[in-house]
Structures are given as C-alpha cells and as structure tokens.
Amino acid sequence: MMMEKSVKTIKLALDKFGQSIDNDIQNYNNDLNKIMKTFTFLTVSFLPQTVIGSLFGMNMPVPMAEAQSLWPFFSIVAISVFFSVLAFSYFKHVKYI
C-alpha cells in the first residue's frame, strides 16, 4: 500500500518535471523565433545597400562616373534608401515588426 503511494507520487513528480522541461523548451523556442525575426528584418533591410555596394565595388566602370557633380552619388544613395524604406513599410504592413 505504501509502495503504491510512493510510486504514484514519483510518477506525478516525473510528469510535472517533464512538463516543466517542455515549458522551458517552448520559452526558449519563442525567444529564438523573436531573435530570428529581428535578424530577418535587418538582413532584408540592408540587402539593397549590400547589393549596390557589391556592384560598385567590382572591377567595372561605375555608371555616371564621368559626371562632374555629386548627383549620381546622391541618386544611388536615394535609391538605396528607397528600397530600405520599402522593405520597412512592407514589414510594418504585414505586422512583422
């Protein structure tokens, strides 16, 4: 009789311990998902700058390089900022951030 009660108590304790471990793993997964969401947002936001920098960093002639003004530089920066704002507004629209 005493042994059966002890076995039941141990089983209940093991079940509670298992549930506690499952809850901890779920919390860890939720935190990891939030971090991955942030990294995804940052990666997509900085993608236009990376692509533009990569293209102009290659050994190829830069478009509008012969111009004697700064408007080509600022137009490239404006295009880059435009795509970043576009990505930010899309993420805001789908309630990702």
PDB file of N, CA and C in Angstrom:
ATOM      1  N   MET A   1       0.832  -1.181   0.000  1.00  0.00           N
ATOM      2  CA  MET A   1       0.000   0.000   0.000  1.00  0.00           C
ATOM      3  C   MET A   1       0.885   1.255   0.000  1.00  0.00           C
ATOM      4  N   MET A   2       1.866   1.284   0.865  1.00  0.00           N
ATOM      5  CA  MET A   2       2.771   2.420   0.972  1.00  0.00           C
ATOM      6  C   MET A   2       3.625   2.539  -0.283  1.00  0.00           C
ATOM      7  N   MET A   3       3.984   1.390  -0.856  1.00  0.00           N
ATOM      8  CA  MET A   3       4.817   1.368  -2.056  1.00  0.00           C
ATOM      9  C   MET A   3       4.051   1.944  -3.248  1.00  0.00           C
ATOM     10  N   GLU A   4       2.760   1.598  -3.366  1.00  0.00           N
ATOM     11  CA  GLU A   4       1.946   2.104  -4.459  1.00  0.00           C
ATOM     12  C   GLU A   4       1.801   3.619  -4.378  1.00  0.00           C
ATOM     13  N   LYS A   5       1.648   4.143  -3.194  1.00  0.00           N
ATOM     14  CA  LYS A   5       1.523   5.588  -3.000  1.00  0.00           C
ATOM     15  C   LYS A   5       2.830   6.286  -3.370  1.00  0.00           C
ATOM     16  N   SER A   6       3.936   5.668  -3.026  1.00  0.00           N
ATOM     17  CA  SER A   6       5.235   6.231  -3.375  1.00  0.00           C
ATOM     18  C   SER A   6       5.450   6.233  -4.889  1.00  0.00           C
ATOM     19  N   VAL A   7       5.044   5.157  -5.530  1.00  0.00           N
ATOM     20  CA  VAL A   7       5.178   5.062  -6.983  1.00  0.00           C
ATOM     21  C   VAL A   7       4.332   6.126  -7.666  1.00  0.00           C
ATOM     22  N   LYS A   8       3.095   6.331  -7.197  1.00  0.00           N
ATOM     23  CA  LYS A   8       2.228   7.355  -7.754  1.00  0.00           C
ATOM     24  C   LYS A   8       2.827   8.747  -7.563  1.00  0.00           C
ATOM     25  N   THR A   9       3.379   8.990  -6.400  1.00  0.00           N
ATOM     26  CA  THR A   9       3.987  10.290  -6.110  1.00  0.00           C
ATOM     27  C   THR A   9       5.185  10.537  -7.021  1.00  0.00           C
ATOM     28  N   ILE A  10       5.984   9.496  -7.223  1.00  0.00           N
ATOM     29  CA  ILE A  10       7.152   9.632  -8.103  1.00  0.00           C
ATOM     30  C   ILE A  10       6.706   9.872  -9.542  1.00  0.00           C
ATOM     31  N   LYS A  11       5.663   9.159  -9.993  1.00  0.00           N
ATOM     32  CA  LYS A  11       5.157   9.362 -11.352  1.00  0.00           C
ATOM     33  C   LYS A  11       4.623  10.782 -11.535  1.00  0.00           C
ATOM     34  N   LEU A  12       3.903  11.285 -10.546  1.00  0.00           N
ATOM     35  CA  LEU A  12       3.399  12.659 -10.624  1.00  0.00           C
ATOM     36  C   LEU A  12       4.551  13.662 -10.676  1.00  0.00           C
ATOM     37  N   ALA A  13       5.574  13.420  -9.863  1.00  0.00           N
ATOM     38  CA  ALA A  13       6.725  14.312  -9.862  1.00  0.00           C
ATOM     39  C   ALA A  13       7.446  14.284 -11.206  1.00  0.00           C
ATOM     40  N   LEU A  14       7.580  13.093 -11.788  1.00  0.00           N
ATOM     41  CA  LEU A  14       8.218  12.984 -13.105  1.00  0.00           C
ATOM     42  C   LEU A  14       7.387  13.678 -14.182  1.00  0.00           C
ATOM     43  N   ASP A  15       6.060  13.544 -14.115  1.00  0.00           N
ATOM     44  CA  ASP A  15       5.196  14.230 -15.083  1.00  0.00           C
ATOM     45  C   ASP A  15       5.328  15.743 -14.962  1.00  0.00           C
ATOM     46  N   LYS A  16       5.341  16.236 -13.734  1.00  0.00           N
ATOM     47  CA  LYS A  16       5.491  17.674 -13.526  1.00  0.00           C
ATOM     48  C   LYS A  16       6.858  18.155 -14.013  1.00  0.00           C
ATOM     49  N   PHE A  17       7.884  17.354 -13.767  1.00  0.00           N
ATOM     50  CA  PHE A  17       9.220  17.706 -14.227  1.00  0.00           C
ATOM     51  C   PHE A  17       9.269  17.733 -15.754  1.00  0.00           C
ATOM     52  N   GLY A  18       8.642  16.741 -16.385  1.00  0.00           N
ATOM     53  CA  GLY A  18       8.585  16.701 -17.845  1.00  0.00           C
ATOM     54  C   GLY A  18       7.844  17.905 -18.413  1.00  0.00           C
ATOM     55  N   GLN A  19       6.744  18.301 -17.787  1.00  0.00           N
ATOM     56  CA  GLN A  19       6.002  19.475 -18.227  1.00  0.00           C
ATOM     57  C   GLN A  19       6.830  20.742 -18.044  1.00  0.00           C
ATOM     58  N   SER A  20       7.577  20.793 -16.964  1.00  0.00           N
ATOM     59  CA  SER A  20       8.443  21.954 -16.720  1.00  0.00           C
ATOM     60  C   SER A  20       9.520  22.062 -17.797  1.00  0.00           C
ATOM     61  N   ILE A  21      10.103  20.937 -18.150  1.00  0.00           N
ATOM     62  CA  ILE A  21      11.119  20.917 -19.208  1.00  0.00           C
ATOM     63  C   ILE A  21      10.485  21.337 -20.535  1.00  0.00           C
ATOM     64  N   ASP A  22       9.301  20.836 -20.846  1.00  0.00           N
ATOM     65  CA  ASP A  22       8.605  21.211 -22.084  1.00  0.00           C
ATOM     66  C   ASP A  22       8.316  22.711 -22.118  1.00  0.00           C
ATOM     67  N   ASN A  23       7.908  23.275 -20.990  1.00  0.00           N
ATOM     68  CA  ASN A  23       7.648  24.714 -20.930  1.00  0.00           C
ATOM     69  C   ASN A  23       8.928  25.522 -21.143  1.00  0.00           C
ATOM     70  N   ASP A  24      10.021  25.068 -20.558  1.00  0.00           N
ATOM     71  CA  ASP A  24      11.292  25.762 -20.738  1.00  0.00           C
ATOM     72  C   ASP A  24      11.738  25.723 -22.207  1.00  0.00           C
ATOM     73  N   ILE A  25      11.578  24.567 -22.838  1.00  0.00           N
ATOM     74  CA  ILE A  25      11.952  24.436 -24.249  1.00  0.00           C
ATOM     75  C   ILE A  25      11.059  25.336 -25.109  1.00  0.00           C
ATOM     76  N   GLN A  26       9.781  25.402 -24.796  1.00  0.00           N
ATOM     77  CA  GLN A  26       8.856  26.268 -25.548  1.00  0.00           C
ATOM     78  C   GLN A  26       9.251  27.739 -25.396  1.00  0.00           C
ATOM     79  N   ASN A  27       9.601  28.161 -24.188  1.00  0.00           N
ATOM     80  CA  ASN A  27      10.037  29.541 -23.969  1.00  0.00           C
ATOM     81  C   ASN A  27      11.327  29.833 -24.726  1.00  0.00           C
ATOM     82  N   TYR A  28      12.235  28.890 -24.716  1.00  0.00           N
ATOM     83  CA  TYR A  28      13.487  29.056 -25.459  1.00  0.00           C
ATOM     84  C   TYR A  28      13.214  29.188 -26.950  1.00  0.00           C
ATOM     85  N   ASN A  29      12.316  28.360 -27.487  1.00  0.00           N
ATOM     86  CA  ASN A  29      11.965  28.430 -28.902  1.00  0.00           C
ATOM     87  C   ASN A  29      11.303  29.766 -29.245  1.00  0.00           C
ATOM     88  N   ASN A  30      10.452  30.273 -28.366  1.00  0.00           N
ATOM     89  CA  ASN A  30       9.819  31.570 -28.604  1.00  0.00           C
ATOM     90  C   ASN A  30      10.861  32.682 -28.647  1.00  0.00           C
ATOM     91  N   ASP A  31      11.814  32.656 -27.716  1.00  0.00           N
ATOM     92  CA  ASP A  31      12.878  33.657 -27.716  1.00  0.00           C
ATOM     93  C   ASP A  31      13.721  33.556 -28.986  1.00  0.00           C
ATOM     94  N   LEU A  32      14.019  32.340 -29.393  1.00  0.00           N
ATOM     95  CA  LEU A  32      14.804  32.129 -30.604  1.00  0.00           C
ATOM     96  C   LEU A  32      14.054  32.635 -31.840  1.00  0.00           C
ATOM     97  N   ASN A  33      12.747  32.420 -31.883  1.00  0.00           N
ATOM     98  CA  ASN A  33      11.944  32.913 -33.002  1.00  0.00           C
ATOM     99  C   ASN A  33      11.958  34.440 -33.061  1.00  0.00           C
ATOM    100  N   LYS A  34      11.903  35.102 -31.904  1.00  0.00           N
ATOM    101  CA  LYS A  34      11.963  36.571 -31.878  1.00  0.00           C
ATOM    102  C   LYS A  34      13.309  37.067 -32.400  1.00  0.00           C
ATOM    103  N   ILE A  35      14.379  36.399 -32.015  1.00  0.00           N
ATOM    104  CA  ILE A  35      15.717  36.789 -32.477  1.00  0.00           C
ATOM    105  C   ILE A  35      15.837  36.581 -33.987  1.00  0.00           C
ATOM    106  N   MET A  36      15.357  35.454 -34.483  1.00  0.00           N
ATOM    107  CA  MET A  36      15.422  35.185 -35.914  1.00  0.00           C
ATOM    108  C   MET A  36      14.570  36.183 -36.704  1.00  0.00           C
ATOM    109  N   LYS A  37      13.454  36.594 -36.130  1.00  0.00           N
ATOM    110  CA  LYS A  37      12.604  37.589 -36.765  1.00  0.00           C
ATOM    111  C   LYS A  37      13.348  38.913 -36.892  1.00  0.00           C
ATOM    112  N   THR A  38      14.067  39.301 -35.848  1.00  0.00           N
ATOM    113  CA  THR A  38      14.844  40.538 -35.882  1.00  0.00           C
ATOM    114  C   THR A  38      15.964  40.441 -36.903  1.00  0.00           C
ATOM    115  N   PHE A  39      16.672  39.330 -36.932  1.00  0.00           N
ATOM    116  CA  PHE A  39      17.756  39.160 -37.902  1.00  0.00           C
ATOM    117  C   PHE A  39      17.226  39.167 -39.338  1.00  0.00           C
ATOM    118  N   THR A  40      16.067  38.567 -39.561  1.00  0.00           N
ATOM    119  CA  THR A  40      15.471  38.571 -40.891  1.00  0.00           C
ATOM    120  C   THR A  40      15.143  39.987 -41.324  1.00  0.00           C
ATOM    121  N   PHE A  41      14.551  40.756 -40.417  1.00  0.00           N
ATOM    122  CA  PHE A  41      14.220  42.146 -40.737  1.00  0.00           C
ATOM    123  C   PHE A  41      15.476  42.937 -41.066  1.00  0.00           C
ATOM    124  N   LEU A  42      16.525  42.792 -40.261  1.00  0.00           N
ATOM    125  CA  LEU A  42      17.760  43.534 -40.512  1.00  0.00           C
ATOM    126  C   LEU A  42      18.417  43.113 -41.827  1.00  0.00           C
ATOM    127  N   THR A  43      18.398  41.834 -42.108  1.00  0.00           N
ATOM    128  CA  THR A  43      19.013  41.336 -43.343  1.00  0.00           C
ATOM    129  C   THR A  43      18.297  41.881 -44.568  1.00  0.00           C
ATOM    130  N   VAL A  44      16.986  41.826 -44.563  1.00  0.00           N
ATOM    131  CA  VAL A  44      16.233  42.319 -45.716  1.00  0.00           C
ATOM    132  C   VAL A  44      16.345  43.833 -45.829  1.00  0.00           C
ATOM    133  N   SER A  45      16.435  44.530 -44.708  1.00  0.00           N
ATOM    134  CA  SER A  45      16.549  45.984 -44.743  1.00  0.00           C
ATOM    135  C   SER A  45      17.881  46.433 -45.325  1.00  0.00           C
ATOM    136  N   PHE A  46      18.952  45.721 -45.026  1.00  0.00           N
ATOM    137  CA  PHE A  46      20.270  46.122 -45.511  1.00  0.00           C
ATOM    138  C   PHE A  46      20.657  45.448 -46.827  1.00  0.00           C
ATOM    139  N   LEU A  47      19.787  44.641 -47.387  1.00  0.00           N
ATOM    140  CA  LEU A  47      20.087  43.967 -48.644  1.00  0.00           C
ATOM    141  C   LEU A  47      20.321  44.938 -49.805  1.00  0.00           C
ATOM    142  N   PRO A  48      19.505  45.979 -49.979  1.00  0.00           N
ATOM    143  CA  PRO A  48      19.776  46.896 -51.108  1.00  0.00           C
ATOM    144  C   PRO A  48      21.146  47.557 -51.015  1.00  0.00           C
ATOM    145  N   GLN A  49      21.547  47.987 -49.828  1.00  0.00           N
ATOM    146  CA  GLN A  49      22.867  48.605 -49.685  1.00  0.00           C
ATOM    147  C   GLN A  49      23.968  47.607 -50.008  1.00  0.00           C
ATOM    148  N   THR A  50      23.793  46.381 -49.610  1.00  0.00           N
ATOM    149  CA  THR A  50      24.801  45.360 -49.876  1.00  0.00           C
ATOM    150  C   THR A  50      24.930  45.090 -51.374  1.00  0.00           C
ATOM    151  N   VAL A  51      23.802  44.986 -52.042  1.00  0.00           N
ATOM    152  CA  VAL A  51      23.831  44.718 -53.490  1.00  0.00           C
ATOM    153  C   VAL A  51      24.461  45.885 -54.240  1.00  0.00           C
ATOM    154  N   ILE A  52      24.054  47.097 -53.908  1.00  0.00           N
ATOM    155  CA  ILE A  52      24.607  48.268 -54.597  1.00  0.00           C
ATOM    156  C   ILE A  52      26.100  48.394 -54.314  1.00  0.00           C
ATOM    157  N   GLY A  53      26.493  48.213 -53.065  1.00  0.00           N
ATOM    158  CA  GLY A  53      27.923  48.269 -52.735  1.00  0.00           C
ATOM    159  C   GLY A  53      28.719  47.184 -53.429  1.00  0.00           C
ATOM    160  N   SER A  54      28.142  46.012 -53.552  1.00  0.00           N
ATOM    161  CA  SER A  54      28.834  44.911 -54.224  1.00  0.00           C
ATOM    162  C   SER A  54      29.009  45.202 -55.711  1.00  0.00           C
ATOM    163  N   LEU A  55      27.982  45.744 -56.320  1.00  0.00           N
ATOM    164  CA  LEU A  55      28.077  46.035 -57.754  1.00  0.00           C
ATOM    165  C   LEU A  55      29.112  47.116 -58.036  1.00  0.00           C
ATOM    166  N   PHE A  56      29.126  48.172 -57.222  1.00  0.00           N
ATOM    167  CA  PHE A  56      30.061  49.259 -57.459  1.00  0.00           C
ATOM    168  C   PHE A  56      31.463  48.943 -56.951  1.00  0.00           C
ATOM    169  N   GLY A  57      31.616  47.901 -56.175  1.00  0.00           N
ATOM    170  CA  GLY A  57      32.930  47.505 -55.698  1.00  0.00           C
ATOM    171  C   GLY A  57      33.661  46.583 -56.650  1.00  0.00           C
ATOM    172  N   MET A  58      32.985  46.126 -57.686  1.00  0.00           N
ATOM    173  CA  MET A  58      33.612  45.223 -58.654  1.00  0.00           C
ATOM    174  C   MET A  58      34.502  46.018 -59.606  1.00  0.00           C
ATOM    175  N   ASN A  59      35.318  45.314 -60.341  1.00  0.00           N
ATOM    176  CA  ASN A  59      36.183  45.953 -61.327  1.00  0.00           C
ATOM    177  C   ASN A  59      35.401  46.200 -62.614  1.00  0.00           C
ATOM    178  N   MET A  60      34.534  47.167 -62.540  1.00  0.00           N
ATOM    179  CA  MET A  60      33.738  47.539 -63.697  1.00  0.00           C
ATOM    180  C   MET A  60      33.518  49.040 -63.652  1.00  0.00           C
ATOM    181  N   PRO A  61      33.255  49.645 -64.768  1.00  0.00           N
ATOM    182  CA  PRO A  61      33.044  51.093 -64.760  1.00  0.00           C
ATOM    183  C   PRO A  61      31.757  51.444 -64.011  1.00  0.00           C
ATOM    184  N   VAL A  62      31.858  52.470 -63.208  1.00  0.00           N
ATOM    185  CA  VAL A  62      30.712  52.919 -62.423  1.00  0.00           C
ATOM    186  C   VAL A  62      29.836  53.785 -63.322  1.00  0.00           C
ATOM    187  N   PRO A  63      28.532  53.531 -63.358  1.00  0.00           N
ATOM    188  CA  PRO A  63      27.665  54.372 -64.174  1.00  0.00           C
ATOM    189  C   PRO A  63      27.718  55.824 -63.702  1.00  0.00           C
ATOM    190  N   MET A  64      27.715  56.717 -64.627  1.00  0.00           N
ATOM    191  CA  MET A  64      27.714  58.158 -64.371  1.00  0.00           C
ATOM    192  C   MET A  64      28.988  58.623 -63.663  1.00  0.00           C
ATOM    193  N   ALA A  65      30.082  57.909 -63.782  1.00  0.00           N
ATOM    194  CA  ALA A  65      31.322  58.282 -63.108  1.00  0.00           C
ATOM    195  C   ALA A  65      31.964  59.502 -63.741  1.00  0.00           C
ATOM    196  N   GLU A  66      31.667  59.742 -64.998  1.00  0.00           N
ATOM    197  CA  GLU A  66      32.279  60.878 -65.678  1.00  0.00           C
ATOM    198  C   GLU A  66      31.594  62.204 -65.354  1.00  0.00           C
ATOM    199  N   ALA A  67      30.482  62.160 -64.641  1.00  0.00           N
ATOM    200  CA  ALA A  67      29.779  63.394 -64.279  1.00  0.00           C
ATOM    201  C   ALA A  67      30.622  64.179 -63.278  1.00  0.00           C
ATOM    202  N   GLN A  68      30.615  65.495 -63.424  1.00  0.00           N
ATOM    203  CA  GLN A  68      31.421  66.358 -62.558  1.00  0.00           C
ATOM    204  C   GLN A  68      30.607  66.883 -61.375  1.00  0.00           C
ATOM    205  N   SER A  69      29.516  66.236 -61.042  1.00  0.00           N
ATOM    206  CA  SER A  69      28.697  66.674 -59.913  1.00  0.00           C
ATOM    207  C   SER A  69      28.470  65.498 -58.968  1.00  0.00           C
ATOM    208  N   LEU A  70      27.794  65.783 -57.891  1.00  0.00           N
ATOM    209  CA  LEU A  70      27.527  64.736 -56.898  1.00  0.00           C
ATOM    210  C   LEU A  70      26.145  64.107 -57.051  1.00  0.00           C
ATOM    211  N   TRP A  71      25.359  64.515 -58.052  1.00  0.00           N
ATOM    212  CA  TRP A  71      24.017  63.959 -58.176  1.00  0.00           C
ATOM    213  C   TRP A  71      24.002  62.465 -58.450  1.00  0.00           C
ATOM    214  N   PRO A  72      24.979  61.887 -59.165  1.00  0.00           N
ATOM    215  CA  PRO A  72      24.949  60.419 -59.315  1.00  0.00           C
ATOM    216  C   PRO A  72      25.104  59.698 -57.971  1.00  0.00           C
ATOM    217  N   PHE A  73      26.002  60.211 -57.128  1.00  0.00           N
ATOM    218  CA  PHE A  73      26.194  59.595 -55.817  1.00  0.00           C
ATOM    219  C   PHE A  73      24.912  59.677 -54.996  1.00  0.00           C
ATOM    220  N   PHE A  74      24.323  60.863 -54.938  1.00  0.00           N
ATOM    221  CA  PHE A  74      23.116  61.026 -54.137  1.00  0.00           C
ATOM    222  C   PHE A  74      21.927  60.284 -54.730  1.00  0.00           C
ATOM    223  N   SER A  75      21.892  60.112 -56.036  1.00  0.00           N
ATOM    224  CA  SER A  75      20.811  59.324 -56.623  1.00  0.00           C
ATOM    225  C   SER A  75      20.952  57.845 -56.253  1.00  0.00           C
ATOM    226  N   ILE A  76      22.179  57.356 -56.226  1.00  0.00           N
ATOM    227  CA  ILE A  76      22.397  55.964 -55.808  1.00  0.00           C
ATOM    228  C   ILE A  76      22.028  55.781 -54.342  1.00  0.00           C
ATOM    229  N   VAL A  77      22.405  56.738 -53.503  1.00  0.00           N
ATOM    230  CA  VAL A  77      22.048  56.679 -52.082  1.00  0.00           C
ATOM    231  C   VAL A  77      20.533  56.750 -51.930  1.00  0.00           C
ATOM    232  N   ALA A  78      19.871  57.614 -52.704  1.00  0.00           N
ATOM    233  CA  ALA A  78      18.414  57.741 -52.616  1.00  0.00           C
ATOM    234  C   ALA A  78      17.719  56.442 -53.027  1.00  0.00           C
ATOM    235  N   ILE A  79      18.219  55.803 -54.069  1.00  0.00           N
ATOM    236  CA  ILE A  79      17.629  54.522 -54.488  1.00  0.00           C
ATOM    237  C   ILE A  79      17.796  53.480 -53.390  1.00  0.00           C
ATOM    238  N   SER A  80      18.958  53.448 -52.779  1.00  0.00           N
ATOM    239  CA  SER A  80      19.221  52.502 -51.698  1.00  0.00           C
ATOM    240  C   SER A  80      18.298  52.759 -50.507  1.00  0.00           C
ATOM    241  N   VAL A  81      18.162  54.015 -50.126  1.00  0.00           N
ATOM    242  CA  VAL A  81      17.277  54.365 -49.007  1.00  0.00           C
ATOM    243  C   VAL A  81      15.829  54.050 -49.368  1.00  0.00           C
ATOM    244  N   PHE A  82      15.447  54.302 -50.613  1.00  0.00           N
ATOM    245  CA  PHE A  82      14.079  53.997 -51.047  1.00  0.00           C
ATOM    246  C   PHE A  82      13.760  52.516 -50.860  1.00  0.00           C
ATOM    247  N   PHE A  83      14.666  51.642 -51.282  1.00  0.00           N
ATOM    248  CA  PHE A  83      14.409  50.212 -51.129  1.00  0.00           C
ATOM    249  C   PHE A  83      14.386  49.787 -49.665  1.00  0.00           C
ATOM    250  N   SER A  84      15.193  50.407 -48.836  1.00  0.00           N
ATOM    251  CA  SER A  84      15.170  50.095 -47.407  1.00  0.00           C
ATOM    252  C   SER A  84      13.854  50.530 -46.778  1.00  0.00           C
ATOM    253  N   VAL A  85      13.389  51.720 -47.136  1.00  0.00           N
ATOM    254  CA  VAL A  85      12.102  52.200 -46.622  1.00  0.00           C
ATOM    255  C   VAL A  85      10.971  51.321 -47.142  1.00  0.00           C
ATOM    256  N   LEU A  86      11.082  50.882 -48.375  1.00  0.00           N
ATOM    257  CA  LEU A  86      10.076  49.985 -48.939  1.00  0.00           C
ATOM    258  C   LEU A  86      10.022  48.671 -48.149  1.00  0.00           C
ATOM    259  N   ALA A  87      11.180  48.110 -47.826  1.00  0.00           N
ATOM    260  CA  ALA A  87      11.211  46.874 -47.029  1.00  0.00           C
ATOM    261  C   ALA A  87      10.636  47.115 -45.642  1.00  0.00           C
ATOM    262  N   PHE A  88      10.994  48.245 -45.036  1.00  0.00           N
ATOM    263  CA  PHE A  88      10.483  48.560 -43.702  1.00  0.00           C
ATOM    264  C   PHE A  88       8.967  48.713 -43.730  1.00  0.00           C
ATOM    265  N   SER A  89       8.444  49.425 -44.729  1.00  0.00           N
ATOM    266  CA  SER A  89       6.995  49.626 -44.799  1.00  0.00           C
ATOM    267  C   SER A  89       6.270  48.308 -45.072  1.00  0.00           C
ATOM    268  N   TYR A  90       6.872  47.431 -45.870  1.00  0.00           N
ATOM    269  CA  TYR A  90       6.248  46.124 -46.100  1.00  0.00           C
ATOM    270  C   TYR A  90       6.172  45.321 -44.796  1.00  0.00           C
ATOM    271  N   PHE A  91       7.263  45.294 -44.049  1.00  0.00           N
ATOM    272  CA  PHE A  91       7.252  44.561 -42.784  1.00  0.00           C
ATOM    273  C   PHE A  91       6.262  45.178 -41.797  1.00  0.00           C
ATOM    274  N   LYS A  92       6.138  46.484 -41.832  1.00  0.00           N
ATOM    275  CA  LYS A  92       5.182  47.156 -40.952  1.00  0.00           C
ATOM    276  C   LYS A  92       3.756  46.818 -41.401  1.00  0.00           C
ATOM    277  N   HIS A  93       3.526  46.753 -42.719  1.00  0.00           N
ATOM    278  CA  HIS A  93       2.196  46.458 -43.244  1.00  0.00           C
ATOM    279  C   HIS A  93       1.727  45.044 -42.882  1.00  0.00           C
ATOM    280  N   VAL A  94       2.628  44.091 -42.946  1.00  0.00           N
ATOM    281  CA  VAL A  94       2.242  42.706 -42.624  1.00  0.00           C
ATOM    282  C   VAL A  94       2.389  42.419 -41.132  1.00  0.00           C
ATOM    283  N   LYS A  95       2.649  43.479 -40.354  1.00  0.00           N
ATOM    284  CA  LYS A  95       2.768  43.389 -38.879  1.00  0.00           C
ATOM    285  C   LYS A  95       3.851  42.406 -38.452  1.00  0.00           C
ATOM    286  N   TYR A  96       4.960  42.440 -39.190  1.00  0.00           N
ATOM    287  CA  TYR A  96       6.116  41.604 -38.839  1.00  0.00           C
ATOM    288  C   TYR A  96       6.942  42.268 -37.756  1.00  0.00           C
ATOM    289  N   ILE A  97       6.933  43.597 -37.756  1.00  0.00           N
ATOM    290  CA  ILE A  97       7.652  44.351 -36.711  1.00  0.00           C
ATOM    291  C   ILE A  97       6.666  45.215 -35.955  1.00  0.00           C
TER     292      ILE A  97
END
